Amino acid sequence: MTGFRPLEQFEFHHTLDGTPGVSVVMFSARGCGACRSFKTMLEGCQQQCPDLHLFLVDAERDGALVREFDVFHLPALFLFVDGRYHRPLQCEARPEAFATALGAARAAPALEAP
């Protein structure tokens, strides 16, 4: 499956728990220009790495997840590995920056889930 799969509060943890490999969850909003840039960049990265799973949370509709993950800015990216929360990802909307941030995050020890 390519592209972003939408996630809502009641399926969030169950879906990620059952997703093997690397998953990136992006919190986004419809009118967010930076979110559109990140979405396009991440979909391009997924074409180069088809085992990358992309999930999208609508921050305007899902306030409970926004609070759970302490999202204060959009887009907000979070890394999950083999269904377990690993850490937030911070990078520019460039494939090279994402690859560097992803590599560093995967090399670092996992953090406790929010």
PDB file of N, CA and C in Angstrom:
ATOM      1  N   MET A   1       0.843  -1.185   0.000  1.00  0.00           N
ATOM      2  CA  MET A   1       0.000   0.000   0.000  1.00  0.00           C
ATOM      3  C   MET A   1       0.887   1.247   0.000  1.00  0.00           C
ATOM      4  N   THR A   2       0.604   2.162  -0.890  1.00  0.00           N
ATOM      5  CA  THR A   2       1.382   3.395  -0.938  1.00  0.00           C
ATOM      6  C   THR A   2       0.489   4.565  -0.558  1.00  0.00           C
ATOM      7  N   GLY A   3       1.131   5.647  -0.165  1.00  0.00           N
ATOM      8  CA  GLY A   3       0.404   6.820   0.273  1.00  0.00           C
ATOM      9  C   GLY A   3       0.079   6.736   1.757  1.00  0.00           C
ATOM     10  N   PHE A   4      -0.619   7.730   2.219  1.00  0.00           N
ATOM     11  CA  PHE A   4      -0.973   7.816   3.628  1.00  0.00           C
ATOM     12  C   PHE A   4      -2.259   7.062   3.919  1.00  0.00           C
ATOM     13  N   ARG A   5      -2.254   6.372   5.022  1.00  0.00           N
ATOM     14  CA  ARG A   5      -3.471   5.733   5.512  1.00  0.00           C
ATOM     15  C   ARG A   5      -3.992   6.587   6.666  1.00  0.00           C
ATOM     16  N   PRO A   6      -5.250   7.027   6.618  1.00  0.00           N
ATOM     17  CA  PRO A   6      -5.775   7.836   7.715  1.00  0.00           C
ATOM     18  C   PRO A   6      -5.920   7.012   8.992  1.00  0.00           C
ATOM     19  N   LEU A   7      -5.656   7.659  10.114  1.00  0.00           N
ATOM     20  CA  LEU A   7      -5.811   7.017  11.424  1.00  0.00           C
ATOM     21  C   LEU A   7      -6.672   7.901  12.306  1.00  0.00           C
ATOM     22  N   GLU A   8      -7.563   7.276  13.037  1.00  0.00           N
ATOM     23  CA  GLU A   8      -8.391   7.975  14.010  1.00  0.00           C
ATOM     24  C   GLU A   8      -8.127   7.390  15.388  1.00  0.00           C
ATOM     25  N   GLN A   9      -8.580   8.095  16.392  1.00  0.00           N
ATOM     26  CA  GLN A   9      -8.294   7.750  17.780  1.00  0.00           C
ATOM     27  C   GLN A   9      -8.580   6.293  18.121  1.00  0.00           C
ATOM     28  N   PHE A  10      -9.721   5.774  17.723  1.00  0.00           N
ATOM     29  CA  PHE A  10     -10.128   4.454  18.182  1.00  0.00           C
ATOM     30  C   PHE A  10      -9.440   3.303  17.453  1.00  0.00           C
ATOM     31  N   GLU A  11      -8.726   3.583  16.385  1.00  0.00           N
ATOM     32  CA  GLU A  11      -7.989   2.545  15.674  1.00  0.00           C
ATOM     33  C   GLU A  11      -6.476   2.762  15.745  1.00  0.00           C
ATOM     34  N   PHE A  12      -6.068   3.883  16.303  1.00  0.00           N
ATOM     35  CA  PHE A  12      -4.668   4.311  16.270  1.00  0.00           C
ATOM     36  C   PHE A  12      -3.717   3.241  16.812  1.00  0.00           C
ATOM     37  N   HIS A  13      -3.831   2.912  18.077  1.00  0.00           N
ATOM     38  CA  HIS A  13      -2.871   1.998  18.705  1.00  0.00           C
ATOM     39  C   HIS A  13      -2.994   0.581  18.146  1.00  0.00           C
ATOM     40  N   HIS A  14      -4.202   0.133  17.919  1.00  0.00           N
ATOM     41  CA  HIS A  14      -4.408  -1.212  17.385  1.00  0.00           C
ATOM     42  C   HIS A  14      -3.770  -1.357  15.999  1.00  0.00           C
ATOM     43  N   THR A  15      -3.960  -0.355  15.153  1.00  0.00           N
ATOM     44  CA  THR A  15      -3.399  -0.401  13.802  1.00  0.00           C
ATOM     45  C   THR A  15      -1.877  -0.398  13.847  1.00  0.00           C
ATOM     46  N   LEU A  16      -1.304   0.498  14.617  1.00  0.00           N
ATOM     47  CA  LEU A  16       0.164   0.578  14.679  1.00  0.00           C
ATOM     48  C   LEU A  16       0.764  -0.663  15.328  1.00  0.00           C
ATOM     49  N   ASP A  17       0.101  -1.207  16.354  1.00  0.00           N
ATOM     50  CA  ASP A  17       0.601  -2.438  16.987  1.00  0.00           C
ATOM     51  C   ASP A  17       0.733  -3.570  15.980  1.00  0.00           C
ATOM     52  N   GLY A  18      -0.137  -3.590  14.982  1.00  0.00           N
ATOM     53  CA  GLY A  18      -0.127  -4.665  13.993  1.00  0.00           C
ATOM     54  C   GLY A  18       0.652  -4.343  12.733  1.00  0.00           C
ATOM     55  N   THR A  19       1.407  -3.256  12.746  1.00  0.00           N
ATOM     56  CA  THR A  19       2.158  -2.859  11.548  1.00  0.00           C
ATOM     57  C   THR A  19       3.650  -3.123  11.753  1.00  0.00           C
ATOM     58  N   PRO A  20       4.197  -4.106  11.040  1.00  0.00           N
ATOM     59  CA  PRO A  20       5.625  -4.397  11.184  1.00  0.00           C
ATOM     60  C   PRO A  20       6.479  -3.375  10.435  1.00  0.00           C
ATOM     61  N   GLY A  21       7.720  -3.244  10.876  1.00  0.00           N
ATOM     62  CA  GLY A  21       8.650  -2.362  10.183  1.00  0.00           C
ATOM     63  C   GLY A  21       8.545  -0.930  10.649  1.00  0.00           C
ATOM     64  N   VAL A  22       8.903  -0.024   9.742  1.00  0.00           N
ATOM     65  CA  VAL A  22       8.983   1.402  10.061  1.00  0.00           C
ATOM     66  C   VAL A  22       7.693   2.104   9.659  1.00  0.00           C
ATOM     67  N   SER A  23       7.105   2.809  10.620  1.00  0.00           N
ATOM     68  CA  SER A  23       5.895   3.595  10.370  1.00  0.00           C
ATOM     69  C   SER A  23       6.141   5.032  10.801  1.00  0.00           C
ATOM     70  N   VAL A  24       5.666   5.961   9.990  1.00  0.00           N
ATOM     71  CA  VAL A  24       5.712   7.374  10.334  1.00  0.00           C
ATOM     72  C   VAL A  24       4.278   7.869  10.392  1.00  0.00           C
ATOM     73  N   VAL A  25       3.940   8.464  11.540  1.00  0.00           N
ATOM     74  CA  VAL A  25       2.626   9.053  11.730  1.00  0.00           C
ATOM     75  C   VAL A  25       2.784  10.558  11.628  1.00  0.00           C
ATOM     76  N   MET A  26       1.989  11.174  10.739  1.00  0.00           N
ATOM     77  CA  MET A  26       2.036  12.621  10.571  1.00  0.00           C
ATOM     78  C   MET A  26       0.708  13.219  11.030  1.00  0.00           C
ATOM     79  N   PHE A  27       0.794  14.163  11.959  1.00  0.00           N
ATOM     80  CA  PHE A  27      -0.358  14.952  12.367  1.00  0.00           C
ATOM     81  C   PHE A  27      -0.416  16.147  11.427  1.00  0.00           C
ATOM     82  N   SER A  28      -1.579  16.379  10.848  1.00  0.00           N
ATOM     83  CA  SER A  28      -1.721  17.382   9.807  1.00  0.00           C
ATOM     84  C   SER A  28      -3.067  18.074   9.936  1.00  0.00           C
ATOM     85  N   ALA A  29      -3.238  19.141   9.172  1.00  0.00           N
ATOM     86  CA  ALA A  29      -4.523  19.828   9.074  1.00  0.00           C
ATOM     87  C   ALA A  29      -4.743  20.233   7.627  1.00  0.00           C
ATOM     88  N   ARG A  30      -5.970  20.321   7.244  1.00  0.00           N
ATOM     89  CA  ARG A  30      -6.343  20.592   5.862  1.00  0.00           C
ATOM     90  C   ARG A  30      -5.715  21.867   5.309  1.00  0.00           C
ATOM     91  N   GLY A  31      -5.699  22.956   6.060  1.00  0.00           N
ATOM     92  CA  GLY A  31      -5.199  24.228   5.550  1.00  0.00           C
ATOM     93  C   GLY A  31      -3.719  24.477   5.776  1.00  0.00           C
ATOM     94  N   CYS A  32      -2.977  23.476   6.181  1.00  0.00           N
ATOM     95  CA  CYS A  32      -1.562  23.626   6.545  1.00  0.00           C
ATOM     96  C   CYS A  32      -0.675  23.443   5.300  1.00  0.00           C
ATOM     97  N   GLY A  33      -0.052  24.541   4.847  1.00  0.00           N
ATOM     98  CA  GLY A  33       0.819  24.471   3.685  1.00  0.00           C
ATOM     99  C   GLY A  33       2.056  23.626   3.919  1.00  0.00           C
ATOM    100  N   ALA A  34       2.659  23.747   5.095  1.00  0.00           N
ATOM    101  CA  ALA A  34       3.840  22.936   5.417  1.00  0.00           C
ATOM    102  C   ALA A  34       3.477  21.454   5.435  1.00  0.00           C
ATOM    103  N   CYS A  35       2.268  21.147   5.874  1.00  0.00           N
ATOM    104  CA  CYS A  35       1.816  19.749   5.897  1.00  0.00           C
ATOM    105  C   CYS A  35       1.754  19.179   4.486  1.00  0.00           C
ATOM    106  N   ARG A  36       1.271  19.975   3.540  1.00  0.00           N
ATOM    107  CA  ARG A  36       1.213  19.510   2.149  1.00  0.00           C
ATOM    108  C   ARG A  36       2.609  19.227   1.611  1.00  0.00           C
ATOM    109  N   SER A  37       3.571  20.080   1.954  1.00  0.00           N
ATOM    110  CA  SER A  37       4.957  19.869   1.508  1.00  0.00           C
ATOM    111  C   SER A  37       5.518  18.579   2.084  1.00  0.00           C
ATOM    112  N   PHE A  38       5.303  18.356   3.373  1.00  0.00           N
ATOM    113  CA  PHE A  38       5.792  17.136   4.012  1.00  0.00           C
ATOM    114  C   PHE A  38       5.105  15.904   3.437  1.00  0.00           C
ATOM    115  N   LYS A  39       3.814  16.010   3.205  1.00  0.00           N
ATOM    116  CA  LYS A  39       3.079  14.866   2.666  1.00  0.00           C
ATOM    117  C   LYS A  39       3.644  14.461   1.308  1.00  0.00           C
ATOM    118  N   THR A  40       3.863  15.424   0.431  1.00  0.00           N
ATOM    119  CA  THR A  40       4.423  15.146  -0.890  1.00  0.00           C
ATOM    120  C   THR A  40       5.814  14.532  -0.781  1.00  0.00           C
ATOM    121  N   MET A  41       6.638  15.113   0.093  1.00  0.00           N
ATOM    122  CA  MET A  41       8.002  14.604   0.277  1.00  0.00           C
ATOM    123  C   MET A  41       7.979  13.171   0.815  1.00  0.00           C
ATOM    124  N   LEU A  42       7.136  12.896   1.814  1.00  0.00           N
ATOM    125  CA  LEU A  42       7.091  11.561   2.403  1.00  0.00           C
ATOM    126  C   LEU A  42       6.565  10.516   1.424  1.00  0.00           C
ATOM    127  N   GLU A  43       5.596  10.894   0.612  1.00  0.00           N
ATOM    128  CA  GLU A  43       5.099   9.957  -0.398  1.00  0.00           C
ATOM    129  C   GLU A  43       6.191   9.635  -1.422  1.00  0.00           C
ATOM    130  N   GLY A  44       7.025  10.621  -1.748  1.00  0.00           N
ATOM    131  CA  GLY A  44       8.165  10.369  -2.633  1.00  0.00           C
ATOM    132  C   GLY A  44       9.175   9.438  -1.991  1.00  0.00           C
ATOM    133  N   CYS A  45       9.418   9.625  -0.704  1.00  0.00           N
ATOM    134  CA  CYS A  45      10.343   8.738   0.016  1.00  0.00           C
ATOM    135  C   CYS A  45       9.791   7.321   0.069  1.00  0.00           C
ATOM    136  N   GLN A  46       8.483   7.203   0.205  1.00  0.00           N
ATOM    137  CA  GLN A  46       7.868   5.878   0.261  1.00  0.00           C
ATOM    138  C   GLN A  46       8.028   5.148  -1.074  1.00  0.00           C
ATOM    139  N   GLN A  47       8.026   5.876  -2.177  1.00  0.00           N
ATOM    140  CA  GLN A  47       8.236   5.244  -3.477  1.00  0.00           C
ATOM    141  C   GLN A  47       9.632   4.650  -3.569  1.00  0.00           C
ATOM    142  N   GLN A  48      10.596   5.291  -2.908  1.00  0.00           N
ATOM    143  CA  GLN A  48      11.973   4.783  -2.887  1.00  0.00           C
ATOM    144  C   GLN A  48      12.148   3.670  -1.858  1.00  0.00           C
ATOM    145  N   CYS A  49      11.291   3.647  -0.857  1.00  0.00           N
ATOM    146  CA  CYS A  49      11.377   2.668   0.235  1.00  0.00           C
ATOM    147  C   CYS A  49       9.964   2.140   0.520  1.00  0.00           C
ATOM    148  N   PRO A  50       9.491   1.190  -0.289  1.00  0.00           N
ATOM    149  CA  PRO A  50       8.098   0.754  -0.181  1.00  0.00           C
ATOM    150  C   PRO A  50       7.728   0.098   1.147  1.00  0.00           C
ATOM    151  N   ASP A  51       8.703  -0.292   1.960  1.00  0.00           N
ATOM    152  CA  ASP A  51       8.360  -0.882   3.260  1.00  0.00           C
ATOM    153  C   ASP A  51       8.141   0.184   4.335  1.00  0.00           C
ATOM    154  N   LEU A  52       8.165   1.457   3.958  1.00  0.00           N
ATOM    155  CA  LEU A  52       7.857   2.556   4.859  1.00  0.00           C
ATOM    156  C   LEU A  52       6.343   2.736   4.882  1.00  0.00           C
ATOM    157  N   HIS A  53       5.753   2.662   6.078  1.00  0.00           N
ATOM    158  CA  HIS A  53       4.306   2.827   6.248  1.00  0.00           C
ATOM    159  C   HIS A  53       4.031   4.258   6.685  1.00  0.00           C
ATOM    160  N   LEU A  54       3.078   4.908   6.006  1.00  0.00           N
ATOM    161  CA  LEU A  54       2.733   6.291   6.312  1.00  0.00           C
ATOM    162  C   LEU A  54       1.292   6.368   6.810  1.00  0.00           C
ATOM    163  N   PHE A  55       1.111   7.067   7.926  1.00  0.00           N
ATOM    164  CA  PHE A  55      -0.209   7.237   8.524  1.00  0.00           C
ATOM    165  C   PHE A  55      -0.457   8.716   8.760  1.00  0.00           C
ATOM    166  N   LEU A  56      -1.716   9.129   8.639  1.00  0.00           N
ATOM    167  CA  LEU A  56      -2.085  10.533   8.749  1.00  0.00           C
ATOM    168  C   LEU A  56      -3.184  10.703   9.790  1.00  0.00           C
ATOM    169  N   VAL A  57      -2.945  11.610  10.744  1.00  0.00           N
ATOM    170  CA  VAL A  57      -3.949  11.968  11.746  1.00  0.00           C
ATOM    171  C   VAL A  57      -4.404  13.391  11.451  1.00  0.00           C
ATOM    172  N   ASP A  58      -5.689  13.588  11.326  1.00  0.00           N
ATOM    173  CA  ASP A  58      -6.260  14.914  11.117  1.00  0.00           C
ATOM    174  C   ASP A  58      -6.325  15.608  12.473  1.00  0.00           C
ATOM    175  N   ALA A  59      -5.418  16.539  12.706  1.00  0.00           N
ATOM    176  CA  ALA A  59      -5.306  17.202  14.007  1.00  0.00           C
ATOM    177  C   ALA A  59      -6.536  18.045  14.323  1.00  0.00           C
ATOM    178  N   GLU A  60      -7.256  18.485  13.306  1.00  0.00           N
ATOM    179  CA  GLU A  60      -8.462  19.271  13.542  1.00  0.00           C
ATOM    180  C   GLU A  60      -9.601  18.413  14.056  1.00  0.00           C
ATOM    181  N   ARG A  61      -9.619  17.153  13.703  1.00  0.00           N
ATOM    182  CA  ARG A  61     -10.709  16.255  14.087  1.00  0.00           C
ATOM    183  C   ARG A  61     -10.376  15.390  15.282  1.00  0.00           C
ATOM    184  N   ASP A  62      -9.109  15.165  15.560  1.00  0.00           N
ATOM    185  CA  ASP A  62      -8.743  14.190  16.581  1.00  0.00           C
ATOM    186  C   ASP A  62      -7.955  14.816  17.718  1.00  0.00           C
ATOM    187  N   GLY A  63      -8.626  15.650  18.485  1.00  0.00           N
ATOM    188  CA  GLY A  63      -8.002  16.365  19.591  1.00  0.00           C
ATOM    189  C   GLY A  63      -7.427  15.466  20.664  1.00  0.00           C
ATOM    190  N   ALA A  64      -8.015  14.294  20.866  1.00  0.00           N
ATOM    191  CA  ALA A  64      -7.505  13.381  21.903  1.00  0.00           C
ATOM    192  C   ALA A  64      -6.086  12.919  21.564  1.00  0.00           C
ATOM    193  N   LEU A  65      -5.843  12.577  20.311  1.00  0.00           N
ATOM    194  CA  LEU A  65      -4.488  12.157  19.915  1.00  0.00           C
ATOM    195  C   LEU A  65      -3.531  13.340  19.924  1.00  0.00           C
ATOM    196  N   VAL A  66      -4.019  14.518  19.545  1.00  0.00           N
ATOM    197  CA  VAL A  66      -3.183  15.721  19.598  1.00  0.00           C
ATOM    198  C   VAL A  66      -2.706  15.948  21.030  1.00  0.00           C
ATOM    199  N   ARG A  67      -3.606  15.805  21.998  1.00  0.00           N
ATOM    200  CA  ARG A  67      -3.228  15.968  23.412  1.00  0.00           C
ATOM    201  C   ARG A  67      -2.314  14.841  23.880  1.00  0.00           C
ATOM    202  N   GLU A  68      -2.614  13.615  23.487  1.00  0.00           N
ATOM    203  CA  GLU A  68      -1.807  12.466  23.904  1.00  0.00           C
ATOM    204  C   GLU A  68      -0.352  12.615  23.462  1.00  0.00           C
ATOM    205  N   PHE A  69      -0.137  13.128  22.256  1.00  0.00           N
ATOM    206  CA  PHE A  69       1.213  13.259  21.716  1.00  0.00           C
ATOM    207  C   PHE A  69       1.788  14.659  21.883  1.00  0.00           C
ATOM    208  N   ASP A  70       1.104  15.515  22.646  1.00  0.00           N
ATOM    209  CA  ASP A  70       1.572  16.882  22.907  1.00  0.00           C
ATOM    210  C   ASP A  70       1.951  17.607  21.619  1.00  0.00           C
ATOM    211  N   VAL A  71       1.093  17.556  20.634  1.00  0.00           N
ATOM    212  CA  VAL A  71       1.342  18.217  19.356  1.00  0.00           C
ATOM    213  C   VAL A  71       1.068  19.708  19.515  1.00  0.00           C
ATOM    214  N   PHE A  72       2.093  20.517  19.271  1.00  0.00           N
ATOM    215  CA  PHE A  72       1.972  21.965  19.386  1.00  0.00           C
ATOM    216  C   PHE A  72       2.158  22.669  18.054  1.00  0.00           C
ATOM    217  N   HIS A  73       2.657  21.963  17.057  1.00  0.00           N
ATOM    218  CA  HIS A  73       2.863  22.553  15.735  1.00  0.00           C
ATOM    219  C   HIS A  73       2.590  21.490  14.684  1.00  0.00           C
ATOM    220  N   LEU A  74       2.266  21.950  13.509  1.00  0.00           N
ATOM    221  CA  LEU A  74       2.009  21.036  12.404  1.00  0.00           C
ATOM    222  C   LEU A  74       2.954  21.350  11.263  1.00  0.00           C
ATOM    223  N   PRO A  75       3.375  20.359  10.538  1.00  0.00           N
ATOM    224  CA  PRO A  75       3.116  18.957  10.793  1.00  0.00           C
ATOM    225  C   PRO A  75       3.963  18.446  11.958  1.00  0.00           C
ATOM    226  N   ALA A  76       3.484  17.413  12.583  1.00  0.00           N
ATOM    227  CA  ALA A  76       4.242  16.727  13.632  1.00  0.00           C
ATOM    228  C   ALA A  76       4.406  15.272  13.194  1.00  0.00           C
ATOM    229  N   LEU A  77       5.641  14.783  13.229  1.00  0.00           N
ATOM    230  CA  LEU A  77       5.952  13.426  12.772  1.00  0.00           C
ATOM    231  C   LEU A  77       6.411  12.580  13.945  1.00  0.00           C
ATOM    232  N   PHE A  78       5.948  11.328  13.966  1.00  0.00           N
ATOM    233  CA  PHE A  78       6.342  10.397  15.018  1.00  0.00           C
ATOM    234  C   PHE A  78       6.720   9.065  14.394  1.00  0.00           C
ATOM    235  N   LEU A  79       7.791   8.481  14.904  1.00  0.00           N
ATOM    236  CA  LEU A  79       8.314   7.218  14.401  1.00  0.00           C
ATOM    237  C   LEU A  79       7.857   6.064  15.278  1.00  0.00           C
ATOM    238  N   PHE A  80       7.357   5.023  14.632  1.00  0.00           N
ATOM    239  CA  PHE A  80       7.027   3.761  15.287  1.00  0.00           C
ATOM    240  C   PHE A  80       7.823   2.674  14.576  1.00  0.00           C
ATOM    241  N   VAL A  81       8.401   1.751  15.330  1.00  0.00           N
ATOM    242  CA  VAL A  81       9.158   0.641  14.755  1.00  0.00           C
ATOM    243  C   VAL A  81       8.556  -0.653  15.276  1.00  0.00           C
ATOM    244  N   ASP A  82       8.156  -1.513  14.361  1.00  0.00           N
ATOM    245  CA  ASP A  82       7.499  -2.778  14.695  1.00  0.00           C
ATOM    246  C   ASP A  82       6.336  -2.566  15.656  1.00  0.00           C
ATOM    247  N   GLY A  83       5.554  -1.522  15.398  1.00  0.00           N
ATOM    248  CA  GLY A  83       4.352  -1.271  16.170  1.00  0.00           C
ATOM    249  C   GLY A  83       4.547  -0.538  17.480  1.00  0.00           C
ATOM    250  N   ARG A  84       5.777  -0.267  17.839  1.00  0.00           N
ATOM    251  CA  ARG A  84       6.051   0.400  19.121  1.00  0.00           C
ATOM    252  C   ARG A  84       6.535   1.825  18.883  1.00  0.00           C
ATOM    253  N   TYR A  85       6.057   2.722  19.738  1.00  0.00           N
ATOM    254  CA  TYR A  85       6.476   4.110  19.663  1.00  0.00           C
ATOM    255  C   TYR A  85       7.991   4.194  19.827  1.00  0.00           C
ATOM    256  N   HIS A  86       8.625   4.996  18.988  1.00  0.00           N
ATOM    257  CA  HIS A  86      10.073   5.138  19.083  1.00  0.00           C
ATOM    258  C   HIS A  86      10.469   6.554  19.495  1.00  0.00           C
ATOM    259  N   ARG A  87       9.999   7.564  18.740  1.00  0.00           N
ATOM    260  CA  ARG A  87      10.310   8.952  19.092  1.00  0.00           C
ATOM    261  C   ARG A  87       9.742   9.903  18.047  1.00  0.00           C
ATOM    262  N   PRO A  88       9.713  11.215  18.369  1.00  0.00           N
ATOM    263  CA  PRO A  88       9.319  12.199  17.357  1.00  0.00           C
ATOM    264  C   PRO A  88      10.422  12.359  16.311  1.00  0.00           C
ATOM    265  N   LEU A  89      10.037  12.777  15.128  1.00  0.00           N
ATOM    266  CA  LEU A  89      10.994  13.068  14.053  1.00  0.00           C
ATOM    267  C   LEU A  89      10.915  14.555  13.743  1.00  0.00           C
ATOM    268  N   GLN A  90      12.072  15.189  13.627  1.00  0.00           N
ATOM    269  CA  GLN A  90      12.113  16.596  13.260  1.00  0.00           C
ATOM    270  C   GLN A  90      13.104  16.757  12.117  1.00  0.00           C
ATOM    271  N   CYS A  91      12.608  17.338  11.026  1.00  0.00           N
ATOM    272  CA  CYS A  91      13.468  17.562   9.867  1.00  0.00           C
ATOM    273  C   CYS A  91      12.795  18.556   8.937  1.00  0.00           C
ATOM    274  N   GLU A  92      13.552  18.986   7.958  1.00  0.00           N
ATOM    275  CA  GLU A  92      13.010  19.818   6.889  1.00  0.00           C
ATOM    276  C   GLU A  92      12.280  18.922   5.895  1.00  0.00           C
ATOM    277  N   ALA A  93      11.458  19.524   5.071  1.00  0.00           N
ATOM    278  CA  ALA A  93      10.689  18.769   4.079  1.00  0.00           C
ATOM    279  C   ALA A  93      11.540  18.483   2.839  1.00  0.00           C
ATOM    280  N   ARG A  94      12.670  17.836   3.058  1.00  0.00           N
ATOM    281  CA  ARG A  94      13.563  17.412   1.976  1.00  0.00           C
ATOM    282  C   ARG A  94      13.898  15.943   2.192  1.00  0.00           C
ATOM    283  N   PRO A  95      13.913  15.139   1.144  1.00  0.00           N
ATOM    284  CA  PRO A  95      14.187  13.710   1.296  1.00  0.00           C
ATOM    285  C   PRO A  95      15.489  13.412   2.041  1.00  0.00           C
ATOM    286  N   GLU A  96      16.549  14.192   1.750  1.00  0.00           N
ATOM    287  CA  GLU A  96      17.833  13.937   2.413  1.00  0.00           C
ATOM    288  C   GLU A  96      17.729  14.203   3.911  1.00  0.00           C
ATOM    289  N   ALA A  97      17.036  15.275   4.276  1.00  0.00           N
ATOM    290  CA  ALA A  97      16.868  15.619   5.692  1.00  0.00           C
ATOM    291  C   ALA A  97      16.028  14.556   6.399  1.00  0.00           C
ATOM    292  N   PHE A  98      14.983  14.066   5.720  1.00  0.00           N
ATOM    293  CA  PHE A  98      14.151  13.017   6.309  1.00  0.00           C
ATOM    294  C   PHE A  98      14.959  11.737   6.503  1.00  0.00           C
ATOM    295  N   ALA A  99      15.740  11.343   5.503  1.00  0.00           N
ATOM    296  CA  ALA A  99      16.547  10.122   5.608  1.00  0.00           C
ATOM    297  C   ALA A  99      17.540  10.226   6.756  1.00  0.00           C
ATOM    298  N   THR A 100      18.157  11.384   6.919  1.00  0.00           N
ATOM    299  CA  THR A 100      19.108  11.590   8.016  1.00  0.00           C
ATOM    300  C   THR A 100      18.405  11.520   9.365  1.00  0.00           C
ATOM    301  N   ALA A 101      17.258  12.198   9.487  1.00  0.00           N
ATOM    302  CA  ALA A 101      16.506  12.193  10.747  1.00  0.00           C
ATOM    303  C   ALA A 101      15.993  10.793  11.073  1.00  0.00           C
ATOM    304  N   LEU A 102      15.536  10.080  10.066  1.00  0.00           N
ATOM    305  CA  LEU A 102      15.031   8.725  10.279  1.00  0.00           C
ATOM    306  C   LEU A 102      16.153   7.796  10.732  1.00  0.00           C
ATOM    307  N   GLY A 103      17.300   7.888  10.081  1.00  0.00           N
ATOM    308  CA  GLY A 103      18.443   7.056  10.472  1.00  0.00           C
ATOM    309  C   GLY A 103      18.894   7.333  11.892  1.00  0.00           C
ATOM    310  N   ALA A 104      18.971   8.605  12.265  1.00  0.00           N
ATOM    311  CA  ALA A 104      19.383   8.977  13.624  1.00  0.00           C
ATOM    312  C   ALA A 104      18.353   8.514  14.645  1.00  0.00           C
ATOM    313  N   ALA A 105      17.076   8.647  14.319  1.00  0.00           N
ATOM    314  CA  ALA A 105      16.021   8.241  15.256  1.00  0.00           C
ATOM    315  C   ALA A 105      16.013   6.732  15.442  1.00  0.00           C
ATOM    316  N   ARG A 106      16.219   5.993  14.377  1.00  0.00           N
ATOM    317  CA  ARG A 106      16.237   4.523  14.493  1.00  0.00           C
ATOM    318  C   ARG A 106      17.456   4.041  15.268  1.00  0.00           C
ATOM    319  N   ALA A 107      18.573   4.767  15.170  1.00  0.00           N
ATOM    320  CA  ALA A 107      19.797   4.376  15.883  1.00  0.00           C
ATOM    321  C   ALA A 107      19.709   4.698  17.370  1.00  0.00           C
ATOM    322  N   ALA A 108      18.887   5.672  17.725  1.00  0.00           N
ATOM    323  CA  ALA A 108      18.757   6.076  19.128  1.00  0.00           C
ATOM    324  C   ALA A 108      17.832   5.100  19.853  1.00  0.00           C
ATOM    325  N   PRO A 109      17.999   4.990  21.154  1.00  0.00           N
ATOM    326  CA  PRO A 109      17.092   4.101  21.903  1.00  0.00           C
ATOM    327  C   PRO A 109      15.659   4.625  21.857  1.00  0.00           C
ATOM    328  N   ALA A 110      14.722   3.703  21.891  1.00  0.00           N
ATOM    329  CA  ALA A 110      13.322   4.065  21.878  1.00  0.00           C
ATOM    330  C   ALA A 110      12.959   4.821  23.159  1.00  0.00           C
ATOM    331  N   LEU A 111      11.997   5.695  23.031  1.00  0.00           N
ATOM    332  CA  LEU A 111      11.494   6.434  24.185  1.00  0.00           C
ATOM    333  C   LEU A 111      10.193   5.818  24.666  1.00  0.00           C
ATOM    334  N   GLU A 112       9.809   6.167  25.860  1.00  0.00           N
ATOM    335  CA  GLU A 112       8.534   5.702  26.386  1.00  0.00           C
ATOM    336  C   GLU A 112       7.407   6.400  25.621  1.00  0.00           C
ATOM    337  N   ALA A 113       6.365   5.676  25.329  1.00  0.00           N
ATOM    338  CA  ALA A 113       5.234   6.262  24.601  1.00  0.00           C
ATOM    339  C   ALA A 113       4.597   7.382  25.414  1.00  0.00           C
ATOM    340  N   PRO A 114       4.120   8.410  24.734  1.00  0.00           N
ATOM    341  CA  PRO A 114       3.472   9.509  25.457  1.00  0.00           C
ATOM    342  C   PRO A 114       2.223   9.059  26.181  1.00  0.00           C
TER     343      PRO A 114
END
